[in-house]
Amino acid sequence: MPTLSGQFVFHIQHHHVNVADFEIGNTKLITNQLGYIKYNENTGFNDKAIISI
């Protein structure tokens, strides 16, 4: 897995809607899914989001 300053960076799961940020152990998980627009799954998507590590 790629690392940056000793931190692991990874992609996991497959979602169509956003959930609040959460942690598993010492790992913070952040979501920003577009989902299917035709099913209104995009309501929480932020097209300006930038995740800096």
C-alpha atoms as a PDB file:
ATOM      1  CA  MET A   1       0.000   0.000   0.000  1.00  0.00           C
ATOM      2  CA  PRO A   2       1.220   3.538  -0.622  1.00  0.00           C
ATOM      3  CA  THR A   3       2.437   5.316   2.472  1.00  0.00           C
ATOM      4  CA  LEU A   4       2.922   8.981   3.217  1.00  0.00           C
ATOM      5  CA  SER A   5       4.803  10.025   6.357  1.00  0.00           C
ATOM      6  CA  GLY A   6       4.207   6.608   7.901  1.00  0.00           C
ATOM      7  CA  GLN A   7       0.445   6.691   7.274  1.00  0.00           C
ATOM      8  CA  PHE A   8      -1.381   4.151   5.161  1.00  0.00           C
ATOM      9  CA  VAL A   9      -3.528   5.476   2.329  1.00  0.00           C
ATOM     10  CA  PHE A  10      -6.148   3.107   0.984  1.00  0.00           C
ATOM     11  CA  HIS A  11      -9.511   2.801  -0.685  1.00  0.00           C
ATOM     12  CA  ILE A  12     -12.047   0.391   0.739  1.00  0.00           C
ATOM     13  CA  GLN A  13     -15.630  -0.673   0.143  1.00  0.00           C
ATOM     14  CA  HIS A  14     -18.168   0.418  -2.404  1.00  0.00           C
ATOM     15  CA  HIS A  15     -20.898   2.876  -1.454  1.00  0.00           C
ATOM     16  CA  HIS A  16     -23.407   5.033  -3.278  1.00  0.00           C
ATOM     17  CA  VAL A  17     -24.200   7.459  -0.457  1.00  0.00           C
ATOM     18  CA  ASN A  18     -22.073   9.379   2.016  1.00  0.00           C
ATOM     19  CA  VAL A  19     -21.831   8.546   5.676  1.00  0.00           C
ATOM     20  CA  ALA A  20     -20.317  10.652   8.434  1.00  0.00           C
ATOM     21  CA  ASP A  21     -16.552  10.330   8.970  1.00  0.00           C
ATOM     22  CA  PHE A  22     -15.759   7.466  11.318  1.00  0.00           C
ATOM     23  CA  GLU A  23     -12.810   5.633  12.818  1.00  0.00           C
ATOM     24  CA  ILE A  24     -11.782   2.018  12.991  1.00  0.00           C
ATOM     25  CA  GLY A  25      -9.007   1.809  15.554  1.00  0.00           C
ATOM     26  CA  ASN A  26      -6.553   4.605  14.742  1.00  0.00           C
ATOM     27  CA  THR A  27      -7.749   4.893  11.144  1.00  0.00           C
ATOM     28  CA  LYS A  28     -10.093   7.700  10.112  1.00  0.00           C
ATOM     29  CA  LEU A  29     -12.395   6.888   7.184  1.00  0.00           C
ATOM     30  CA  ILE A  30     -13.808   9.699   5.054  1.00  0.00           C
ATOM     31  CA  THR A  31     -16.440   9.270   2.353  1.00  0.00           C
ATOM     32  CA  ASN A  32     -17.496  11.406  -0.604  1.00  0.00           C
ATOM     33  CA  GLN A  33     -19.417   9.209  -3.031  1.00  0.00           C
ATOM     34  CA  LEU A  34     -21.205  10.547  -6.066  1.00  0.00           C
ATOM     35  CA  GLY A  35     -23.521   7.542  -6.385  1.00  0.00           C
ATOM     36  CA  TYR A  36     -26.149   7.294  -9.111  1.00  0.00           C
ATOM     37  CA  ILE A  37     -27.564  10.719  -9.883  1.00  0.00           C
ATOM     38  CA  LYS A  38     -30.699   9.217 -11.434  1.00  0.00           C
ATOM     39  CA  TYR A  39     -31.488   7.614  -8.036  1.00  0.00           C
ATOM     40  CA  ASN A  40     -30.719  10.834  -6.074  1.00  0.00           C
ATOM     41  CA  GLU A  41     -27.742   9.189  -4.370  1.00  0.00           C
ATOM     42  CA  ASN A  42     -25.619  12.302  -4.937  1.00  0.00           C
ATOM     43  CA  THR A  43     -27.213  14.591  -2.348  1.00  0.00           C
ATOM     44  CA  GLY A  44     -24.190  14.574   0.010  1.00  0.00           C
ATOM     45  CA  PHE A  45     -21.492  14.613  -2.686  1.00  0.00           C
ATOM     46  CA  ASN A  46     -19.043  17.522  -2.461  1.00  0.00           C
ATOM     47  CA  ASP A  47     -17.457  18.208  -5.861  1.00  0.00           C
ATOM     48  CA  LYS A  48     -15.054  20.681  -4.239  1.00  0.00           C
ATOM     49  CA  ALA A  49     -13.725  18.206  -1.653  1.00  0.00           C
ATOM     50  CA  ILE A  50      -9.973  17.857  -1.302  1.00  0.00           C
ATOM     51  CA  ILE A  51      -8.487  15.351   1.103  1.00  0.00           C
ATOM     52  CA  SER A  52      -4.994  16.336   2.232  1.00  0.00           C
ATOM     53  CA  ILE A  53      -2.769  13.888   4.027  1.00  0.00           C
END
